[in-house]
């Protein structure tokens, strides 16, 4: 008499991956492009914040969207450590941070077509005329962003500086590979650390958003 085959045990749902000991990633080389897929436990659409400040926006946004991966770029050590501390406190596995200059990271470390969204909120306005060449969003920026974005990728920008805002609009008006789009209300409702401070002082936020055509 044949023994009946025992039924397979019911499949238990996969446990969520444990957060790493650190959310900060140190690229092995600043001369080779990173592989974003190796930074996260799950392959998901990647959004990048260039200049994440104290990461108050990015941490909250990543917690709201577990189906996306988020990468914060910041050159100041104290700020990028806040991303690590806040993200690990919430157990986020879809968030990473890299300490490096944003312009360099965009041009030399991001692979082509790897990003779905760029967030750029209150970049340094370099208000002195002789220093404006240091601004992140300059004449070269659209072509660099275009290369890093997937087709249909988007760029969301906020600033409190009217002169910088005028330059941003001028730069993108000269780039036919991008078209202006509205900033989604639910995104605008999520404030950065600088934005809270500016609002308390009565300084308005200027919004711009563009989509790769």
N, C-alpha and C. Protein backbone atom coordinates (compact mmCIF):
# COMPACT_ATOMS: atom_id res chain seq x y z
N UNK A 1 0.85 -1.19 0.00
CA UNK A 1 0.00 0.00 0.00
C UNK A 1 0.89 1.24 0.00
N UNK A 2 0.60 2.13 -0.94
CA UNK A 2 1.39 3.35 -1.05
C UNK A 2 1.02 4.33 0.05
N UNK A 3 2.04 4.92 0.63
CA UNK A 3 1.77 5.96 1.61
C UNK A 3 1.35 7.24 0.90
N UNK A 4 0.30 7.88 1.37
CA UNK A 4 -0.10 9.12 0.72
C UNK A 4 0.95 10.21 0.91
N UNK A 5 1.11 11.01 -0.14
CA UNK A 5 2.05 12.13 -0.06
C UNK A 5 1.52 13.18 0.90
N UNK A 6 2.29 13.55 1.90
CA UNK A 6 1.79 14.55 2.84
C UNK A 6 1.59 15.89 2.15
N UNK A 7 0.58 16.61 2.54
CA UNK A 7 0.35 17.92 1.90
C UNK A 7 1.48 18.88 2.22
N UNK A 8 1.72 19.77 1.27
CA UNK A 8 2.76 20.79 1.48
C UNK A 8 2.31 21.75 2.57
N UNK A 9 3.22 22.15 3.42
CA UNK A 9 2.84 23.11 4.45
C UNK A 9 2.45 24.43 3.82
N UNK A 10 1.53 25.15 4.44
CA UNK A 10 1.13 26.44 3.87
C UNK A 10 2.31 27.40 3.84
N UNK A 11 2.39 28.17 2.76
CA UNK A 11 3.49 29.13 2.61
C UNK A 11 3.24 30.34 3.49
N UNK A 12 4.21 30.63 4.32
CA UNK A 12 4.10 31.79 5.18
C UNK A 12 4.56 33.03 4.41
N UNK A 13 3.97 34.17 4.71
CA UNK A 13 4.42 35.39 4.03
C UNK A 13 5.87 35.70 4.37
N UNK A 14 6.57 36.22 3.38
CA UNK A 14 7.97 36.58 3.60
C UNK A 14 8.07 37.67 4.66
N UNK A 15 9.00 37.50 5.56
CA UNK A 15 9.22 38.53 6.57
C UNK A 15 9.90 39.72 5.93
N UNK A 16 9.55 40.93 6.35
CA UNK A 16 10.22 42.10 5.78
C UNK A 16 11.70 42.06 6.10
N UNK A 17 12.55 42.51 5.16
CA UNK A 17 13.99 42.48 5.43
C UNK A 17 14.35 43.38 6.59
N UNK A 18 15.32 42.96 7.36
CA UNK A 18 15.76 43.76 8.49
C UNK A 18 16.55 44.97 7.98
N UNK A 19 16.39 46.12 8.63
CA UNK A 19 17.17 47.28 8.19
C UNK A 19 18.65 47.04 8.42
N UNK A 20 19.51 47.56 7.56
CA UNK A 20 20.96 47.37 7.73
C UNK A 20 21.47 48.16 8.93
N UNK A 21 22.72 47.85 9.33
CA UNK A 21 23.32 48.56 10.45
C UNK A 21 23.51 50.04 10.13
N UNK A 22 23.70 50.36 8.88
CA UNK A 22 23.84 51.75 8.46
C UNK A 22 23.15 51.93 7.11
N UNK A 23 22.50 53.07 6.95
CA UNK A 23 21.86 53.38 5.67
C UNK A 23 22.79 54.16 4.75
N UNK A 24 23.99 54.43 5.22
CA UNK A 24 24.94 55.22 4.43
C UNK A 24 25.80 54.29 3.57
N UNK A 25 25.98 54.71 2.33
CA UNK A 25 26.76 53.91 1.38
C UNK A 25 28.00 54.68 0.98
N UNK A 26 29.12 54.03 1.07
CA UNK A 26 30.40 54.62 0.68
C UNK A 26 30.83 54.00 -0.64
N UNK A 27 30.71 54.72 -1.75
CA UNK A 27 31.09 54.13 -3.04
C UNK A 27 32.53 53.65 -3.02
N UNK A 28 32.80 52.47 -3.55
CA UNK A 28 34.17 51.95 -3.55
C UNK A 28 35.11 52.77 -4.42
N UNK A 29 34.55 53.53 -5.36
CA UNK A 29 35.36 54.37 -6.23
C UNK A 29 34.56 55.60 -6.62
N UNK A 30 35.23 56.73 -6.71
CA UNK A 30 34.56 57.94 -7.19
C UNK A 30 34.81 58.14 -8.68
N UNK A 31 35.38 57.12 -9.30
CA UNK A 31 35.65 57.17 -10.74
C UNK A 31 34.77 56.21 -11.53
N UNK A 32 33.99 55.37 -10.82
CA UNK A 32 33.12 54.40 -11.49
C UNK A 32 31.68 54.62 -11.04
N UNK A 33 30.77 54.40 -11.96
CA UNK A 33 29.35 54.60 -11.64
C UNK A 33 28.87 53.51 -10.68
N UNK A 34 27.97 53.90 -9.80
CA UNK A 34 27.44 52.95 -8.82
C UNK A 34 26.39 52.07 -9.49
N UNK A 35 26.07 50.99 -8.83
CA UNK A 35 24.98 50.11 -9.24
C UNK A 35 23.86 50.26 -8.21
N UNK A 36 22.85 51.12 -8.47
CA UNK A 36 21.81 51.36 -7.47
C UNK A 36 21.09 50.09 -7.04
N UNK A 37 21.00 49.10 -7.92
CA UNK A 37 20.31 47.87 -7.58
C UNK A 37 20.97 47.12 -6.44
N UNK A 38 22.26 47.35 -6.20
CA UNK A 38 22.97 46.65 -5.14
C UNK A 38 22.84 47.36 -3.79
N UNK A 39 22.24 48.54 -3.79
CA UNK A 39 22.11 49.30 -2.55
C UNK A 39 20.89 48.91 -1.74
N UNK A 40 19.90 48.31 -2.42
CA UNK A 40 18.61 48.06 -1.79
C UNK A 40 18.26 46.57 -1.86
N UNK A 41 17.47 46.08 -0.90
CA UNK A 41 17.09 44.66 -0.91
C UNK A 41 16.11 44.30 -2.01
N UNK A 42 15.35 45.28 -2.51
CA UNK A 42 14.35 44.99 -3.54
C UNK A 42 14.55 45.92 -4.74
N UNK A 43 14.46 45.40 -5.98
CA UNK A 43 14.54 46.27 -7.16
C UNK A 43 13.24 47.05 -7.33
N UNK A 44 13.31 48.34 -7.14
CA UNK A 44 12.13 49.21 -7.23
C UNK A 44 12.54 50.51 -7.91
N UNK A 45 11.56 51.29 -8.39
CA UNK A 45 11.89 52.59 -8.99
C UNK A 45 12.70 53.45 -8.01
N UNK A 46 13.70 54.14 -8.55
CA UNK A 46 14.62 54.91 -7.72
C UNK A 46 14.33 56.41 -7.84
N UNK A 47 14.19 57.07 -6.67
CA UNK A 47 14.07 58.51 -6.59
C UNK A 47 15.27 59.05 -5.83
N UNK A 48 15.82 60.16 -6.29
CA UNK A 48 17.04 60.72 -5.72
C UNK A 48 16.79 62.16 -5.29
N UNK A 49 17.17 62.47 -4.04
CA UNK A 49 17.14 63.86 -3.60
C UNK A 49 18.56 64.41 -3.61
N UNK A 50 18.78 65.40 -4.45
CA UNK A 50 20.09 66.04 -4.54
C UNK A 50 20.14 67.18 -3.52
N UNK A 51 20.87 66.95 -2.43
CA UNK A 51 20.91 67.90 -1.34
C UNK A 51 19.77 67.64 -0.37
N UNK A 52 19.89 66.57 0.43
CA UNK A 52 18.75 66.13 1.25
C UNK A 52 18.68 66.82 2.60
N UNK A 53 19.61 67.73 2.91
CA UNK A 53 19.55 68.45 4.17
C UNK A 53 19.55 67.51 5.36
N UNK A 54 18.62 67.75 6.31
CA UNK A 54 18.56 66.85 7.46
C UNK A 54 17.67 65.64 7.19
N UNK A 55 17.26 65.47 5.94
CA UNK A 55 16.49 64.30 5.48
C UNK A 55 15.08 64.23 6.03
N UNK A 56 14.58 65.33 6.59
CA UNK A 56 13.22 65.29 7.14
C UNK A 56 12.19 64.98 6.06
N UNK A 57 12.36 65.57 4.86
CA UNK A 57 11.45 65.27 3.76
C UNK A 57 11.62 63.83 3.29
N UNK A 58 12.86 63.44 3.01
CA UNK A 58 13.10 62.17 2.35
C UNK A 58 12.71 60.98 3.23
N UNK A 59 12.97 61.07 4.52
CA UNK A 59 12.62 59.98 5.42
C UNK A 59 11.11 59.80 5.46
N UNK A 60 10.38 60.90 5.58
CA UNK A 60 8.92 60.79 5.64
C UNK A 60 8.36 60.29 4.31
N UNK A 61 8.91 60.76 3.21
CA UNK A 61 8.42 60.36 1.89
C UNK A 61 8.72 58.88 1.64
N UNK A 62 9.90 58.43 2.05
CA UNK A 62 10.25 57.01 1.88
C UNK A 62 9.35 56.12 2.73
N UNK A 63 8.99 56.59 3.92
CA UNK A 63 8.09 55.81 4.77
C UNK A 63 6.69 55.71 4.15
N UNK A 64 6.28 56.74 3.43
CA UNK A 64 4.96 56.74 2.79
C UNK A 64 4.93 55.89 1.53
N UNK A 65 6.09 55.62 0.94
CA UNK A 65 6.15 54.90 -0.35
C UNK A 65 7.13 53.74 -0.28
N UNK A 66 6.76 52.65 0.41
CA UNK A 66 7.67 51.50 0.50
C UNK A 66 7.89 50.78 -0.82
N UNK A 67 7.09 51.13 -1.85
CA UNK A 67 7.24 50.49 -3.15
C UNK A 67 8.25 51.21 -4.04
N UNK A 68 8.98 52.17 -3.47
CA UNK A 68 10.02 52.87 -4.22
C UNK A 68 11.29 52.89 -3.37
N UNK A 69 12.42 53.03 -4.05
CA UNK A 69 13.70 53.21 -3.35
C UNK A 69 14.11 54.67 -3.41
N UNK A 70 14.77 55.13 -2.34
CA UNK A 70 15.13 56.53 -2.23
C UNK A 70 16.60 56.67 -1.85
N UNK A 71 17.24 57.62 -2.52
CA UNK A 71 18.66 57.86 -2.28
C UNK A 71 18.86 59.35 -2.01
N UNK A 72 19.42 59.67 -0.84
CA UNK A 72 19.69 61.05 -0.48
C UNK A 72 21.16 61.37 -0.65
N UNK A 73 21.44 62.50 -1.32
CA UNK A 73 22.82 62.93 -1.56
C UNK A 73 23.06 64.21 -0.78
N UNK A 74 24.12 64.24 0.00
CA UNK A 74 24.43 65.40 0.83
C UNK A 74 25.93 65.43 1.12
N UNK A 75 26.54 66.60 1.03
CA UNK A 75 27.99 66.68 1.25
C UNK A 75 28.36 66.88 2.71
N UNK A 76 27.43 67.37 3.54
CA UNK A 76 27.75 67.66 4.94
C UNK A 76 27.55 66.42 5.80
N UNK A 77 28.57 66.06 6.56
CA UNK A 77 28.55 64.83 7.34
C UNK A 77 27.43 64.82 8.38
N UNK A 78 27.25 65.92 9.10
CA UNK A 78 26.23 65.97 10.13
C UNK A 78 24.84 65.75 9.58
N UNK A 79 24.57 66.28 8.39
CA UNK A 79 23.24 66.11 7.79
C UNK A 79 23.02 64.69 7.31
N UNK A 80 24.00 64.11 6.65
CA UNK A 80 23.80 62.75 6.12
C UNK A 80 23.69 61.75 7.26
N UNK A 81 24.31 62.04 8.39
CA UNK A 81 24.16 61.17 9.56
C UNK A 81 22.73 61.22 10.10
N UNK A 82 22.07 62.36 9.92
CA UNK A 82 20.67 62.46 10.35
C UNK A 82 19.78 61.56 9.50
N UNK A 83 20.08 61.46 8.21
CA UNK A 83 19.34 60.54 7.35
C UNK A 83 19.47 59.12 7.89
N UNK A 84 20.68 58.73 8.23
CA UNK A 84 20.92 57.39 8.75
C UNK A 84 20.16 57.15 10.05
N UNK A 85 20.25 58.10 10.96
CA UNK A 85 19.63 57.94 12.27
C UNK A 85 18.11 57.89 12.16
N UNK A 86 17.52 58.81 11.39
CA UNK A 86 16.07 58.87 11.26
C UNK A 86 15.53 57.65 10.51
N UNK A 87 16.22 57.26 9.45
CA UNK A 87 15.76 56.13 8.65
C UNK A 87 15.81 54.83 9.40
N UNK A 88 16.88 54.60 10.16
CA UNK A 88 16.99 53.36 10.94
C UNK A 88 15.98 53.33 12.09
N UNK A 89 15.69 54.50 12.64
CA UNK A 89 14.70 54.57 13.71
C UNK A 89 13.34 54.07 13.23
N UNK A 90 13.03 54.35 11.95
CA UNK A 90 11.76 53.91 11.37
C UNK A 90 11.86 52.54 10.72
N UNK A 91 13.03 51.94 10.73
CA UNK A 91 13.20 50.62 10.13
C UNK A 91 13.09 50.62 8.62
N UNK A 92 13.48 51.71 7.96
CA UNK A 92 13.34 51.82 6.51
C UNK A 92 14.42 51.01 5.81
N UNK A 93 14.02 50.18 4.87
CA UNK A 93 14.98 49.43 4.05
C UNK A 93 15.06 49.98 2.63
N UNK A 94 14.20 50.94 2.30
CA UNK A 94 14.16 51.52 0.95
C UNK A 94 14.82 52.89 0.90
N UNK A 95 15.70 53.16 1.85
CA UNK A 95 16.37 54.46 1.94
C UNK A 95 17.86 54.26 2.12
N UNK A 96 18.66 55.04 1.37
CA UNK A 96 20.11 55.07 1.51
C UNK A 96 20.60 56.51 1.35
N UNK A 97 21.79 56.76 1.86
CA UNK A 97 22.40 58.07 1.74
C UNK A 97 23.84 57.96 1.31
N UNK A 98 24.30 58.94 0.54
CA UNK A 98 25.70 59.00 0.11
C UNK A 98 26.21 60.41 0.39
N UNK A 99 27.37 60.49 1.02
CA UNK A 99 27.99 61.79 1.28
C UNK A 99 28.92 62.14 0.13
N UNK A 100 28.49 63.11 -0.67
CA UNK A 100 29.28 63.52 -1.82
C UNK A 100 28.66 64.79 -2.40
N UNK A 101 29.41 65.52 -3.18
CA UNK A 101 28.87 66.70 -3.85
C UNK A 101 27.82 66.28 -4.87
N UNK A 102 26.69 66.98 -4.87
CA UNK A 102 25.57 66.60 -5.74
C UNK A 102 25.93 66.68 -7.22
N UNK A 103 26.59 67.75 -7.62
CA UNK A 103 26.91 67.92 -9.04
C UNK A 103 27.83 66.80 -9.53
N UNK A 104 28.82 66.44 -8.71
CA UNK A 104 29.74 65.37 -9.09
C UNK A 104 29.00 64.04 -9.17
N UNK A 105 28.17 63.78 -8.18
CA UNK A 105 27.41 62.53 -8.17
C UNK A 105 26.54 62.41 -9.41
N UNK A 106 25.86 63.49 -9.76
CA UNK A 106 24.98 63.46 -10.93
C UNK A 106 25.76 63.18 -12.21
N UNK A 107 26.89 63.81 -12.36
CA UNK A 107 27.62 63.68 -13.62
C UNK A 107 28.43 62.40 -13.74
N UNK A 108 29.01 61.94 -12.65
CA UNK A 108 30.00 60.86 -12.75
C UNK A 108 29.61 59.53 -12.10
N UNK A 109 28.66 59.52 -11.16
CA UNK A 109 28.38 58.28 -10.44
C UNK A 109 27.02 57.66 -10.76
N UNK A 110 26.08 58.42 -11.28
CA UNK A 110 24.76 57.86 -11.58
C UNK A 110 24.78 57.19 -12.96
N UNK A 111 24.32 55.96 -13.06
CA UNK A 111 24.25 55.30 -14.37
C UNK A 111 23.15 55.94 -15.23
N UNK A 112 23.30 55.90 -16.53
CA UNK A 112 22.25 56.42 -17.42
C UNK A 112 20.92 55.68 -17.22
N UNK A 113 19.84 56.43 -17.24
CA UNK A 113 18.51 55.85 -17.17
C UNK A 113 18.19 55.12 -15.89
N UNK A 114 18.81 55.51 -14.78
CA UNK A 114 18.62 54.78 -13.53
C UNK A 114 17.61 55.42 -12.59
N UNK A 115 17.18 56.65 -12.87
CA UNK A 115 16.38 57.42 -11.92
C UNK A 115 15.00 57.71 -12.50
N UNK A 116 13.98 57.62 -11.67
CA UNK A 116 12.63 57.99 -12.10
C UNK A 116 12.28 59.41 -11.70
N UNK A 117 12.79 59.88 -10.56
CA UNK A 117 12.48 61.22 -10.07
C UNK A 117 13.69 61.83 -9.38
N UNK A 118 13.95 63.11 -9.67
CA UNK A 118 14.89 63.90 -8.89
C UNK A 118 14.11 64.89 -8.04
N UNK A 119 14.48 65.00 -6.77
CA UNK A 119 13.96 66.02 -5.88
C UNK A 119 15.10 66.99 -5.58
N UNK A 120 14.87 68.28 -5.81
CA UNK A 120 15.89 69.31 -5.54
C UNK A 120 15.19 70.44 -4.80
N UNK A 121 15.38 70.48 -3.50
CA UNK A 121 14.63 71.41 -2.67
C UNK A 121 15.57 72.38 -1.95
N UNK A 122 15.41 73.65 -2.29
CA UNK A 122 16.18 74.73 -1.70
C UNK A 122 17.69 74.54 -1.85
N UNK A 123 18.14 74.36 -3.10
CA UNK A 123 19.58 74.27 -3.32
C UNK A 123 20.24 75.60 -3.00
N UNK A 124 21.51 75.53 -2.66
CA UNK A 124 22.26 76.75 -2.30
C UNK A 124 22.14 77.77 -3.43
N UNK A 125 21.60 78.97 -3.15
CA UNK A 125 21.39 79.94 -4.25
C UNK A 125 22.65 80.67 -4.69
N UNK A 126 23.74 80.57 -3.92
CA UNK A 126 24.96 81.32 -4.26
C UNK A 126 24.58 82.72 -4.75
N UNK A 127 24.08 83.57 -3.84
CA UNK A 127 23.49 84.83 -4.27
C UNK A 127 24.46 85.84 -4.89
N UNK A 128 25.75 85.78 -4.51
CA UNK A 128 26.69 86.73 -5.10
C UNK A 128 26.89 86.41 -6.59
N UNK A 129 26.91 87.48 -7.39
CA UNK A 129 26.95 87.28 -8.84
C UNK A 129 28.18 86.46 -9.26
N UNK A 130 29.32 86.70 -8.64
CA UNK A 130 30.54 86.00 -9.04
C UNK A 130 30.53 84.53 -8.63
N UNK A 131 29.59 84.15 -7.76
CA UNK A 131 29.52 82.77 -7.29
C UNK A 131 28.44 81.94 -7.98
N UNK A 132 27.65 82.56 -8.84
CA UNK A 132 26.51 81.85 -9.42
C UNK A 132 26.92 80.66 -10.28
N UNK A 133 28.15 80.62 -10.71
CA UNK A 133 28.62 79.48 -11.50
C UNK A 133 28.62 78.19 -10.68
N UNK A 134 28.53 78.34 -9.34
CA UNK A 134 28.50 77.16 -8.48
C UNK A 134 27.10 76.57 -8.33
N UNK A 135 26.10 77.24 -8.86
CA UNK A 135 24.74 76.74 -8.70
C UNK A 135 24.57 75.36 -9.35
N UNK A 136 23.82 74.51 -8.65
CA UNK A 136 23.60 73.16 -9.16
C UNK A 136 22.84 73.18 -10.48
N UNK A 137 21.79 73.99 -10.55
CA UNK A 137 20.97 74.04 -11.76
C UNK A 137 21.49 75.16 -12.64
N UNK A 138 22.32 74.77 -13.60
CA UNK A 138 22.94 75.71 -14.54
C UNK A 138 22.67 75.23 -15.96
N UNK A 139 23.34 75.80 -16.91
CA UNK A 139 23.06 75.47 -18.31
C UNK A 139 23.31 74.00 -18.64
N UNK A 140 24.24 73.35 -17.93
CA UNK A 140 24.56 71.95 -18.20
C UNK A 140 23.61 70.99 -17.51
N UNK A 141 22.90 71.46 -16.51
CA UNK A 141 22.11 70.55 -15.69
C UNK A 141 21.08 69.74 -16.47
N UNK A 142 20.28 70.34 -17.37
CA UNK A 142 19.26 69.54 -18.06
C UNK A 142 19.83 68.33 -18.81
N UNK A 143 20.98 68.50 -19.46
CA UNK A 143 21.52 67.36 -20.21
C UNK A 143 22.00 66.26 -19.26
N UNK A 144 22.58 66.64 -18.12
CA UNK A 144 23.02 65.63 -17.16
C UNK A 144 21.83 64.91 -16.54
N UNK A 145 20.79 65.66 -16.20
CA UNK A 145 19.59 65.05 -15.63
C UNK A 145 18.89 64.16 -16.66
N UNK A 146 18.88 64.60 -17.90
CA UNK A 146 18.26 63.82 -18.97
C UNK A 146 18.92 62.45 -19.09
N UNK A 147 20.25 62.43 -19.03
CA UNK A 147 20.97 61.16 -19.15
C UNK A 147 20.68 60.21 -17.99
N UNK A 148 20.50 60.75 -16.80
CA UNK A 148 20.28 59.91 -15.63
C UNK A 148 18.84 59.44 -15.50
N UNK A 149 17.90 60.18 -16.08
CA UNK A 149 16.48 59.86 -15.94
C UNK A 149 16.02 58.80 -16.93
N UNK A 150 15.05 58.03 -16.52
CA UNK A 150 14.34 57.15 -17.44
C UNK A 150 13.39 57.97 -18.29
N UNK A 151 12.95 57.47 -19.45
CA UNK A 151 11.93 58.18 -20.22
C UNK A 151 10.70 58.46 -19.36
N UNK A 152 10.22 59.69 -19.41
CA UNK A 152 9.10 60.07 -18.57
C UNK A 152 9.50 60.45 -17.15
N UNK A 153 10.80 60.41 -16.85
CA UNK A 153 11.27 60.78 -15.52
C UNK A 153 11.00 62.24 -15.22
N UNK A 154 10.95 62.57 -13.94
CA UNK A 154 10.55 63.92 -13.53
C UNK A 154 11.57 64.56 -12.59
N UNK A 155 11.52 65.89 -12.56
CA UNK A 155 12.35 66.68 -11.67
C UNK A 155 11.43 67.63 -10.91
N UNK A 156 11.50 67.59 -9.60
CA UNK A 156 10.71 68.50 -8.76
C UNK A 156 11.67 69.44 -8.03
N UNK A 157 11.41 70.73 -8.13
CA UNK A 157 12.32 71.75 -7.60
C UNK A 157 11.54 72.73 -6.73
N UNK A 158 12.18 73.16 -5.64
CA UNK A 158 11.64 74.24 -4.80
C UNK A 158 12.79 75.17 -4.43
N UNK A 159 12.48 76.45 -4.35
CA UNK A 159 13.46 77.43 -3.90
C UNK A 159 12.74 78.61 -3.27
N UNK A 160 13.46 79.34 -2.47
CA UNK A 160 12.91 80.57 -1.89
C UNK A 160 13.53 81.79 -2.55
N UNK A 161 14.47 81.57 -3.49
CA UNK A 161 15.24 82.66 -4.09
C UNK A 161 14.67 83.03 -5.46
N UNK A 162 14.06 84.22 -5.62
CA UNK A 162 13.45 84.59 -6.91
C UNK A 162 14.44 84.63 -8.07
N UNK A 163 15.67 85.07 -7.80
CA UNK A 163 16.66 85.14 -8.88
C UNK A 163 17.03 83.73 -9.35
N UNK A 164 17.25 82.82 -8.42
CA UNK A 164 17.57 81.44 -8.78
C UNK A 164 16.39 80.81 -9.51
N UNK A 165 15.18 81.12 -9.05
CA UNK A 165 13.98 80.58 -9.69
C UNK A 165 13.89 81.03 -11.15
N UNK A 166 14.21 82.30 -11.39
CA UNK A 166 14.21 82.81 -12.77
C UNK A 166 15.25 82.08 -13.61
N UNK A 167 16.41 81.82 -13.03
CA UNK A 167 17.45 81.08 -13.77
C UNK A 167 17.00 79.66 -14.07
N UNK A 168 16.36 79.00 -13.09
CA UNK A 168 15.87 77.63 -13.30
C UNK A 168 14.90 77.58 -14.47
N UNK A 169 13.96 78.51 -14.50
CA UNK A 169 12.97 78.52 -15.58
C UNK A 169 13.64 78.82 -16.92
N UNK A 170 14.62 79.69 -16.91
CA UNK A 170 15.33 80.02 -18.16
C UNK A 170 16.12 78.81 -18.67
N UNK A 171 16.78 78.12 -17.76
CA UNK A 171 17.59 76.94 -18.13
C UNK A 171 16.71 75.87 -18.76
N UNK A 172 15.56 75.58 -18.15
CA UNK A 172 14.71 74.52 -18.67
C UNK A 172 13.93 74.96 -19.91
N UNK A 173 13.67 76.25 -20.04
CA UNK A 173 13.01 76.74 -21.24
C UNK A 173 13.90 76.53 -22.47
N UNK A 174 15.21 76.50 -22.25
CA UNK A 174 16.16 76.29 -23.35
C UNK A 174 16.45 74.81 -23.57
N UNK A 175 15.76 73.92 -22.85
CA UNK A 175 16.00 72.48 -22.98
C UNK A 175 14.73 71.80 -23.47
N UNK A 176 14.58 71.61 -24.78
CA UNK A 176 13.34 71.03 -25.33
C UNK A 176 13.12 69.57 -24.93
N UNK A 177 14.10 68.93 -24.32
CA UNK A 177 13.91 67.54 -23.89
C UNK A 177 13.10 67.46 -22.60
N UNK A 178 12.77 68.61 -22.02
CA UNK A 178 11.93 68.66 -20.83
C UNK A 178 10.73 69.54 -21.08
N UNK A 179 9.60 69.15 -20.49
CA UNK A 179 8.41 69.98 -20.55
C UNK A 179 7.94 70.28 -19.12
N UNK A 180 7.44 71.50 -18.88
CA UNK A 180 6.97 71.83 -17.53
C UNK A 180 5.70 71.08 -17.17
N UNK A 181 5.59 70.70 -15.93
CA UNK A 181 4.42 70.00 -15.40
C UNK A 181 4.09 70.60 -14.03
N UNK A 182 2.87 70.42 -13.52
CA UNK A 182 2.55 70.92 -12.19
C UNK A 182 3.15 70.03 -11.10
N UNK A 183 3.44 70.63 -9.96
CA UNK A 183 3.85 69.86 -8.79
C UNK A 183 2.62 69.24 -8.14
N UNK A 184 2.58 67.94 -7.92
CA UNK A 184 1.41 67.32 -7.29
C UNK A 184 1.14 67.92 -5.91
N UNK A 185 -0.11 68.23 -5.60
CA UNK A 185 -0.43 68.83 -4.29
C UNK A 185 0.04 68.00 -3.11
N UNK A 186 -0.08 66.66 -3.24
CA UNK A 186 0.33 65.81 -2.11
C UNK A 186 1.83 65.86 -1.88
N UNK A 187 2.60 66.15 -2.95
CA UNK A 187 4.05 66.29 -2.79
C UNK A 187 4.38 67.65 -2.19
N UNK A 188 3.71 68.68 -2.66
CA UNK A 188 3.95 70.04 -2.14
C UNK A 188 3.58 70.14 -0.66
N UNK A 189 2.66 69.31 -0.21
CA UNK A 189 2.21 69.37 1.19
C UNK A 189 3.26 68.82 2.15
N UNK A 190 4.25 68.09 1.64
CA UNK A 190 5.28 67.51 2.48
C UNK A 190 6.47 68.48 2.52
N UNK A 191 6.70 69.10 3.68
CA UNK A 191 7.66 70.18 3.79
C UNK A 191 9.06 69.68 4.15
N UNK A 192 10.06 70.45 3.73
CA UNK A 192 11.43 70.18 4.13
C UNK A 192 11.74 70.99 5.39
N UNK A 193 12.92 70.75 5.97
CA UNK A 193 13.31 71.51 7.17
C UNK A 193 13.45 73.00 6.85
N UNK A 194 14.07 73.32 5.70
CA UNK A 194 14.21 74.72 5.32
C UNK A 194 12.84 75.36 5.08
N UNK A 195 11.96 74.61 4.47
CA UNK A 195 10.65 75.16 4.12
C UNK A 195 9.85 75.53 5.36
N UNK A 196 9.91 74.73 6.38
CA UNK A 196 9.21 75.06 7.63
C UNK A 196 9.76 76.36 8.21
N UNK A 197 11.07 76.50 8.17
CA UNK A 197 11.70 77.72 8.69
C UNK A 197 11.30 78.93 7.86
N UNK A 198 11.32 78.78 6.53
CA UNK A 198 10.96 79.91 5.67
C UNK A 198 9.50 80.31 5.85
N UNK A 199 8.63 79.34 5.96
CA UNK A 199 7.21 79.65 6.14
C UNK A 199 6.96 80.39 7.45
N UNK A 200 7.69 80.00 8.48
CA UNK A 200 7.55 80.68 9.77
C UNK A 200 7.97 82.14 9.66
N UNK A 201 8.86 82.44 8.71
CA UNK A 201 9.33 83.82 8.50
C UNK A 201 8.56 84.52 7.40
N UNK A 202 7.53 83.86 6.86
CA UNK A 202 6.70 84.47 5.83
C UNK A 202 7.33 84.48 4.45
N UNK A 203 8.32 83.62 4.20
CA UNK A 203 8.98 83.55 2.90
C UNK A 203 8.29 82.48 2.06
N UNK A 204 7.77 82.85 0.87
CA UNK A 204 7.03 81.87 0.06
C UNK A 204 7.96 80.89 -0.64
N UNK A 205 7.42 79.73 -0.94
CA UNK A 205 8.12 78.71 -1.71
C UNK A 205 7.77 78.85 -3.19
N UNK A 206 8.77 78.79 -4.05
CA UNK A 206 8.58 78.83 -5.49
C UNK A 206 8.79 77.42 -6.04
N UNK A 207 7.82 76.94 -6.82
CA UNK A 207 7.83 75.56 -7.30
C UNK A 207 8.08 75.51 -8.80
N UNK A 208 8.85 74.50 -9.22
CA UNK A 208 9.01 74.19 -10.64
C UNK A 208 9.09 72.67 -10.77
N UNK A 209 8.57 72.14 -11.87
CA UNK A 209 8.62 70.71 -12.11
C UNK A 209 8.68 70.45 -13.60
N UNK A 210 9.44 69.42 -13.98
CA UNK A 210 9.65 69.12 -15.40
C UNK A 210 9.66 67.62 -15.62
N UNK A 211 9.24 67.25 -16.83
CA UNK A 211 9.20 65.84 -17.21
C UNK A 211 10.05 65.63 -18.45
N UNK A 212 10.83 64.55 -18.44
CA UNK A 212 11.65 64.20 -19.60
C UNK A 212 10.72 63.71 -20.72
N UNK A 213 10.81 64.34 -21.87
CA UNK A 213 9.93 63.99 -22.99
C UNK A 213 10.51 62.81 -23.75
